[in-house]
Amino acid sequence: MVVPGARILKPVDHDEELTIVEHLDELRSRLIVCLVVLVAAFAVCLWQSRPLLGVLNAPLERAADKAERAPTSLSGRERELRKALRDALAAQTRALQQLAEGRALSQRERRALAAAVAATRSSVRQLARSSDDTRPVTLSLGEPFTQTVLVAFQFALLFALPVILHQAWAFVAPAFAPHERRTARALVIGAPALFAAGVAFAYFVVLPTAVAFLQQFNAGAFDALVQARSYYHFVLITALATGLLFQLPLAMVGLVQLGVVSSDQLRRNRRIAIVVLAVVAALLPGTDPITTLIELVPMVLLFELGLLLARVVERRRARASALADAGAGGAA
């Protein structure tokens, strides 16, 4: 029996038997669905690449705003000098404008002065943009294209991930018994939710702090230019690592479910676990102590959440075992 197209969206029943050819055909159909969704998402993301790049560049902009409000340092004095230069050019523009409107000048001179006023205004605007420009720089001819395509693909993969996970679940779900599907379904739903929470935490909390600290550290000794390739790689690794670390509760529940450890063992070794988490947080992108501390706090909270869920799993397993023993004793 070949899996019809209408059944691609739902799993095959547990009691339904398929041949190897039918399993392969189902796998092919689900891979085609994933590929079509991914290509469509990539096309949309490539079309909207500029706002997506703006989303990734936002931590740089927030870091620049924070630097503007910071106490004056050597880089702050440089900003003050630029502001003074802009004010001087603006005053010159107003003076030239007043002179250009005078009646004593000839028509030709007034046109020349008007052109000078327009050129000065343009210089003022360009200076303002250059002083506030926080966009990453590119160092090769093809880097704007490659980075745009890479960022668009990463966003497309993120947007297509729910469909890909659903198709993967629908393919492996028939292997689970009905009572096993509830646990597996909870993992399938919980893992993407925790991953999304980790990515959001990295974007809104970790990245702004890390970018601001690393970019402004000893700013007076360096003229920091952020390269697009290294910056987007840093953002990707930080978001991916944080999203994976947010899977800690599910990993703990899985170990307890498999009988590798117990909740009591986890509780007794809490201090050791916190030390291990601190080491992991220090190894994450960012390298500064502030970012490490920010990443450590949710990891400790996630450990406590995993410990709580592990206790719930053990209680349910003990209750199910007691009911099974009672049923076996009654039958005997």
Protein backbone atom coordinates (compact mmCIF):
# COMPACT_ATOMS: atom_id res chain seq x y z
CA MET A 1 0.00 0.00 0.00
CA VAL A 2 1.48 3.34 -1.08
CA VAL A 3 0.89 6.19 1.33
CA PRO A 4 -1.58 8.59 -0.30
CA GLY A 5 -0.78 12.28 -0.52
CA ALA A 6 -3.64 13.13 1.83
CA ARG A 7 -2.04 11.03 4.58
CA ILE A 8 1.29 12.82 4.51
CA LEU A 9 0.08 15.18 7.22
CA LYS A 10 -0.72 12.47 9.77
CA PRO A 11 1.09 9.36 11.06
CA VAL A 12 0.32 5.84 9.96
CA ASP A 13 -1.69 3.86 12.51
CA HIS A 14 0.27 1.72 14.95
CA ASP A 15 -1.55 -1.46 13.92
CA GLU A 16 -1.13 -0.84 10.20
CA GLU A 17 1.61 -2.91 8.56
CA LEU A 18 3.70 -1.54 5.71
CA THR A 19 6.27 -3.21 3.50
CA ILE A 20 9.81 -1.88 3.15
CA VAL A 21 8.90 -0.31 -0.19
CA GLU A 22 5.90 1.42 1.38
CA HIS A 23 8.05 2.71 4.24
CA LEU A 24 10.55 4.09 1.75
CA ASP A 25 7.75 5.67 -0.26
CA GLU A 26 6.38 7.29 2.89
CA LEU A 27 9.86 8.57 3.74
CA ARG A 28 10.25 9.98 0.23
CA SER A 29 6.89 11.74 0.44
CA ARG A 30 7.69 13.31 3.79
CA LEU A 31 11.15 14.41 2.62
CA ILE A 32 9.54 16.05 -0.41
CA VAL A 33 7.14 17.95 1.87
CA CYS A 34 10.05 19.13 4.04
CA LEU A 35 12.07 20.18 0.99
CA VAL A 36 9.16 22.08 -0.60
CA VAL A 37 8.44 23.95 2.64
CA LEU A 38 12.14 24.73 3.13
CA VAL A 39 12.54 26.03 -0.43
CA ALA A 40 9.41 28.17 -0.11
CA ALA A 41 10.60 29.56 3.23
CA PHE A 42 14.04 30.25 1.76
CA ALA A 43 12.51 32.15 -1.16
CA VAL A 44 10.47 34.32 1.19
CA CYS A 45 13.43 34.90 3.53
CA LEU A 46 15.71 35.82 0.61
CA TRP A 47 13.06 38.26 -0.61
CA GLN A 48 12.83 39.79 2.87
CA SER A 49 16.56 39.52 3.60
CA ARG A 50 17.00 43.18 4.50
CA PRO A 51 14.59 43.19 7.48
CA LEU A 52 15.98 39.82 8.59
CA LEU A 53 19.50 41.24 8.54
CA GLY A 54 18.14 44.17 10.51
CA VAL A 55 16.92 41.73 13.15
CA LEU A 56 20.42 40.27 13.49
CA ASN A 57 22.01 43.73 13.50
CA ALA A 58 19.71 44.99 16.26
CA PRO A 59 22.08 43.93 19.11
CA LEU A 60 24.78 46.10 17.51
CA GLU A 61 22.40 49.04 17.41
CA ARG A 62 21.39 48.52 21.03
CA ALA A 63 25.06 48.33 21.98
CA ALA A 64 25.71 51.61 20.16
CA ASP A 65 22.80 53.27 21.96
CA LYS A 66 24.15 52.01 25.27
CA ALA A 67 27.59 53.37 24.42
CA GLU A 68 26.09 56.78 23.64
CA ARG A 69 24.63 56.90 27.16
CA ALA A 70 27.83 55.66 28.79
CA PRO A 71 30.19 58.01 30.70
CA THR A 72 32.67 59.88 28.52
CA SER A 73 35.86 57.98 27.69
CA LEU A 74 38.33 58.45 24.87
CA SER A 75 35.79 57.15 22.40
CA GLY A 76 33.22 59.38 24.07
CA ARG A 77 35.46 62.41 23.44
CA GLU A 78 35.66 61.37 19.83
CA ARG A 79 31.87 61.36 19.67
CA GLU A 80 31.83 64.83 21.26
CA LEU A 81 34.26 66.11 18.63
CA ARG A 82 32.10 64.69 15.86
CA LYS A 83 29.04 66.33 17.38
CA ALA A 84 30.87 69.66 17.59
CA LEU A 85 31.90 69.33 13.95
CA ARG A 86 28.33 68.62 12.93
CA ASP A 87 27.13 71.66 14.88
CA ALA A 88 29.76 73.85 13.23
CA LEU A 89 28.84 72.64 9.77
CA ALA A 90 25.18 73.20 10.55
CA ALA A 91 25.92 76.78 11.64
CA GLN A 92 27.92 77.37 8.48
CA THR A 93 25.01 76.06 6.47
CA ARG A 94 22.64 78.52 8.12
CA ALA A 95 25.06 81.41 7.49
CA LEU A 96 25.48 80.50 3.84
CA GLN A 97 21.73 80.18 3.53
CA GLN A 98 21.25 83.71 4.86
CA LEU A 99 23.94 85.05 2.54
CA ALA A 100 22.41 83.26 -0.41
CA GLU A 101 19.11 85.01 0.23
CA GLY A 102 20.72 88.50 0.21
CA ARG A 103 19.80 90.98 -2.56
CA ALA A 104 23.36 92.26 -3.16
CA LEU A 105 24.49 89.05 -4.86
CA SER A 106 24.22 88.36 -8.54
CA GLN A 107 22.09 85.55 -9.85
CA ARG A 108 25.15 83.46 -10.70
CA GLU A 109 26.68 83.96 -7.23
CA ARG A 110 23.42 83.06 -5.56
CA ARG A 111 23.26 79.83 -7.55
CA ALA A 112 26.83 78.98 -6.56
CA LEU A 113 26.13 79.67 -2.90
CA ALA A 114 22.93 77.62 -3.06
CA ALA A 115 24.95 74.70 -4.44
CA ALA A 116 27.48 75.14 -1.62
CA VAL A 117 24.68 75.08 0.94
CA ALA A 118 23.30 71.86 -0.55
CA ALA A 119 26.76 70.26 -0.53
CA THR A 120 27.36 71.25 3.08
CA ARG A 121 23.99 69.87 4.14
CA SER A 122 24.80 66.61 2.38
CA SER A 123 28.16 66.42 4.19
CA VAL A 124 26.44 66.97 7.53
CA ARG A 125 23.97 64.15 6.83
CA GLN A 126 26.75 61.80 5.72
CA LEU A 127 28.80 62.58 8.82
CA ALA A 128 25.80 61.91 11.04
CA ARG A 129 25.18 58.60 9.31
CA SER A 130 28.83 57.55 9.47
CA SER A 131 29.08 58.31 13.18
CA ASP A 132 25.95 56.32 13.98
CA ASP A 133 26.46 53.49 11.48
CA THR A 134 26.57 50.18 13.32
CA ARG A 135 26.18 47.83 10.38
CA PRO A 136 28.71 45.00 10.03
CA VAL A 137 31.39 45.49 7.40
CA THR A 138 32.34 43.12 4.58
CA LEU A 139 35.94 42.52 3.53
CA SER A 140 35.53 40.69 0.22
CA LEU A 141 33.62 41.23 -3.00
CA GLY A 142 31.28 38.27 -2.61
CA GLU A 143 30.73 38.49 1.14
CA PRO A 144 27.50 40.56 0.97
CA PHE A 145 25.94 37.94 -1.32
CA THR A 146 27.16 34.89 0.60
CA GLN A 147 26.17 36.29 3.99
CA THR A 148 22.73 37.33 2.74
CA VAL A 149 22.10 33.85 1.32
CA LEU A 150 23.42 32.17 4.46
CA VAL A 151 21.29 34.28 6.80
CA ALA A 152 18.21 33.73 4.62
CA PHE A 153 18.77 29.96 4.71
CA GLN A 154 19.20 29.96 8.49
CA PHE A 155 15.95 31.85 8.98
CA ALA A 156 14.22 29.57 6.44
CA LEU A 157 15.38 26.51 8.37
CA LEU A 158 14.08 28.07 11.58
CA PHE A 159 10.68 28.85 10.07
CA ALA A 160 10.40 25.42 8.40
CA LEU A 161 11.47 23.58 11.55
CA PRO A 162 7.91 22.98 12.87
CA VAL A 163 6.91 21.26 9.62
CA ILE A 164 10.15 19.24 9.53
CA LEU A 165 9.69 18.10 13.13
CA HIS A 166 6.06 17.19 12.47
CA GLN A 167 7.02 15.10 9.44
CA ALA A 168 9.78 13.38 11.42
CA TRP A 169 7.35 12.63 14.24
CA ALA A 170 4.71 11.35 11.81
CA PHE A 171 7.26 8.97 10.29
CA VAL A 172 8.47 7.44 13.58
CA ALA A 173 5.17 7.63 15.51
CA PRO A 174 3.82 4.25 14.26
CA ALA A 175 6.72 2.54 16.07
CA PHE A 176 5.33 3.69 19.43
CA ALA A 177 2.47 2.04 21.24
CA PRO A 178 -0.49 4.31 22.08
CA HIS A 179 0.62 4.72 25.71
CA GLU A 180 4.18 5.48 24.56
CA ARG A 181 3.03 8.13 22.13
CA ARG A 182 1.96 10.44 24.95
CA THR A 183 5.50 10.61 26.32
CA ALA A 184 7.05 10.91 22.89
CA ARG A 185 4.56 13.61 21.88
CA ALA A 186 5.43 15.60 25.00
CA LEU A 187 9.10 15.44 24.03
CA VAL A 188 8.34 16.45 20.44
CA ILE A 189 6.37 19.47 21.65
CA GLY A 190 8.64 20.35 24.57
CA ALA A 191 11.95 20.25 22.71
CA PRO A 192 11.07 22.92 20.10
CA ALA A 193 9.40 25.07 22.76
CA LEU A 194 12.48 24.98 24.98
CA PHE A 195 14.75 25.57 21.99
CA ALA A 196 12.70 28.61 20.95
CA ALA A 197 12.84 29.90 24.53
CA GLY A 198 16.62 29.48 24.50
CA VAL A 199 17.00 31.32 21.20
CA ALA A 200 14.78 34.15 22.47
CA PHE A 201 16.80 34.37 25.69
CA ALA A 202 20.03 34.50 23.69
CA TYR A 203 18.71 37.21 21.37
CA PHE A 204 17.08 39.51 23.91
CA VAL A 205 19.37 39.01 26.93
CA VAL A 206 22.70 37.35 26.12
CA LEU A 207 23.60 38.95 22.79
CA PRO A 208 22.99 42.62 23.73
CA THR A 209 25.07 42.24 26.88
CA ALA A 210 27.87 40.29 25.18
CA VAL A 211 28.05 42.61 22.16
CA ALA A 212 28.04 45.76 24.30
CA PHE A 213 30.74 44.45 26.64
CA LEU A 214 33.04 43.00 23.97
CA GLN A 215 32.71 45.93 21.56
CA GLN A 216 33.22 48.66 24.18
CA PHE A 217 35.95 46.90 26.17
CA ASN A 218 39.08 49.09 26.01
CA ALA A 219 37.45 51.00 23.15
CA GLY A 220 39.98 53.82 23.39
CA ALA A 221 42.78 51.54 22.18
CA PHE A 222 40.96 50.05 19.18
CA ASP A 223 38.88 51.21 16.24
CA ALA A 224 36.43 48.31 16.30
CA LEU A 225 34.98 47.21 12.97
CA VAL A 226 32.59 44.27 13.18
CA GLN A 227 32.91 41.92 10.21
CA ALA A 228 29.63 40.50 8.94
CA ARG A 229 30.86 36.91 8.65
CA SER A 230 32.31 36.70 12.16
CA TYR A 231 29.39 38.59 13.72
CA TYR A 232 26.66 36.44 12.15
CA HIS A 233 28.65 33.32 13.07
CA PHE A 234 28.83 34.58 16.66
CA VAL A 235 25.07 35.21 16.71
CA LEU A 236 24.32 31.77 15.23
CA ILE A 237 26.59 29.86 17.62
CA THR A 238 25.31 31.77 20.65
CA ALA A 239 21.65 31.21 19.76
CA LEU A 240 22.21 27.55 18.83
CA ALA A 241 24.22 26.77 21.98
CA THR A 242 21.69 28.49 24.24
CA GLY A 243 18.79 26.72 22.55
CA LEU A 244 20.48 23.35 23.03
CA LEU A 245 21.30 24.07 26.67
CA PHE A 246 17.63 24.81 27.28
CA GLN A 247 17.03 21.11 26.53
CA LEU A 248 18.55 20.31 29.94
CA PRO A 249 15.21 19.44 31.63
CA LEU A 250 14.31 17.00 28.84
CA ALA A 251 17.75 15.39 29.04
CA MET A 252 17.38 14.92 32.79
CA VAL A 253 13.90 13.43 32.39
CA GLY A 254 15.21 11.09 29.69
CA LEU A 255 18.04 9.84 31.91
CA VAL A 256 15.62 9.23 34.77
CA GLN A 257 13.17 7.52 32.43
CA LEU A 258 15.92 5.19 31.20
CA GLY A 259 17.02 4.43 34.75
CA VAL A 260 20.52 5.86 34.33
CA VAL A 261 20.12 8.18 37.33
CA SER A 262 17.42 8.96 39.87
CA SER A 263 16.03 12.26 41.09
CA ASP A 264 17.60 11.62 44.50
CA GLN A 265 21.03 11.25 42.92
CA LEU A 266 20.54 14.47 40.99
CA ARG A 267 19.43 16.28 44.12
CA ARG A 268 22.38 15.03 46.19
CA ASN A 269 24.84 16.10 43.49
CA ARG A 270 23.26 19.51 42.93
CA ARG A 271 26.44 21.41 43.86
CA ILE A 272 28.55 19.38 41.46
CA ALA A 273 25.96 19.95 38.75
CA ILE A 274 26.06 23.71 39.31
CA VAL A 275 29.86 23.69 39.00
CA VAL A 276 29.58 21.75 35.75
CA LEU A 277 26.97 24.20 34.47
CA ALA A 278 29.26 27.10 35.36
CA VAL A 279 32.06 25.52 33.34
CA VAL A 280 29.71 25.00 30.40
CA ALA A 281 28.52 28.62 30.63
CA ALA A 282 32.14 29.80 30.60
CA LEU A 283 32.80 27.78 27.43
CA LEU A 284 29.88 29.36 25.59
CA PRO A 285 30.45 32.25 23.14
CA GLY A 286 30.86 35.59 24.84
CA THR A 287 33.94 34.92 27.01
CA ASP A 288 33.20 37.80 29.38
CA PRO A 289 32.19 37.13 33.01
CA ILE A 290 28.96 39.13 32.77
CA THR A 291 27.64 37.02 29.89
CA THR A 292 28.75 33.85 31.67
CA LEU A 293 26.76 34.82 34.77
CA ILE A 294 23.71 35.74 32.69
CA GLU A 295 23.81 32.33 30.97
CA LEU A 296 24.41 30.46 34.22
CA VAL A 297 21.29 31.75 35.99
CA PRO A 298 18.72 30.20 33.58
CA MET A 299 20.76 26.99 33.40
CA VAL A 300 20.49 26.57 37.18
CA LEU A 301 16.76 27.27 36.99
CA LEU A 302 16.41 24.73 34.18
CA PHE A 303 18.27 22.18 36.30
CA GLU A 304 15.76 22.72 39.10
CA LEU A 305 12.92 22.38 36.59
CA GLY A 306 14.41 19.14 35.30
CA LEU A 307 14.74 17.86 38.86
CA LEU A 308 11.07 18.63 39.50
CA LEU A 309 9.98 16.89 36.28
CA ALA A 310 12.18 13.90 37.11
CA ARG A 311 10.38 13.49 40.43
CA VAL A 312 7.02 13.64 38.66
CA VAL A 313 8.16 10.95 36.20
CA GLU A 314 9.35 8.70 39.02
CA ARG A 315 6.09 9.09 40.93
CA ARG A 316 4.04 8.23 37.85
CA ARG A 317 6.23 5.23 37.12
CA ALA A 318 5.94 4.03 40.72
CA ARG A 319 2.16 4.49 40.62
CA ALA A 320 1.89 2.56 37.34
CA SER A 321 4.10 -0.21 38.73
CA ALA A 322 1.95 -0.45 41.88
CA LEU A 323 -1.22 -0.70 39.79
CA ALA A 324 0.36 -3.39 37.63
CA ASP A 325 1.42 -5.38 40.70
CA ALA A 326 -2.05 -5.02 42.19
CA GLY A 327 -3.60 -6.24 38.96
CA ALA A 328 -1.23 -9.20 38.82
CA GLY A 329 -1.97 -10.07 42.45
CA GLY A 330 -5.72 -9.91 41.85
CA ALA A 331 -5.44 -12.15 38.82
CA ALA A 332 -3.45 -14.69 40.82
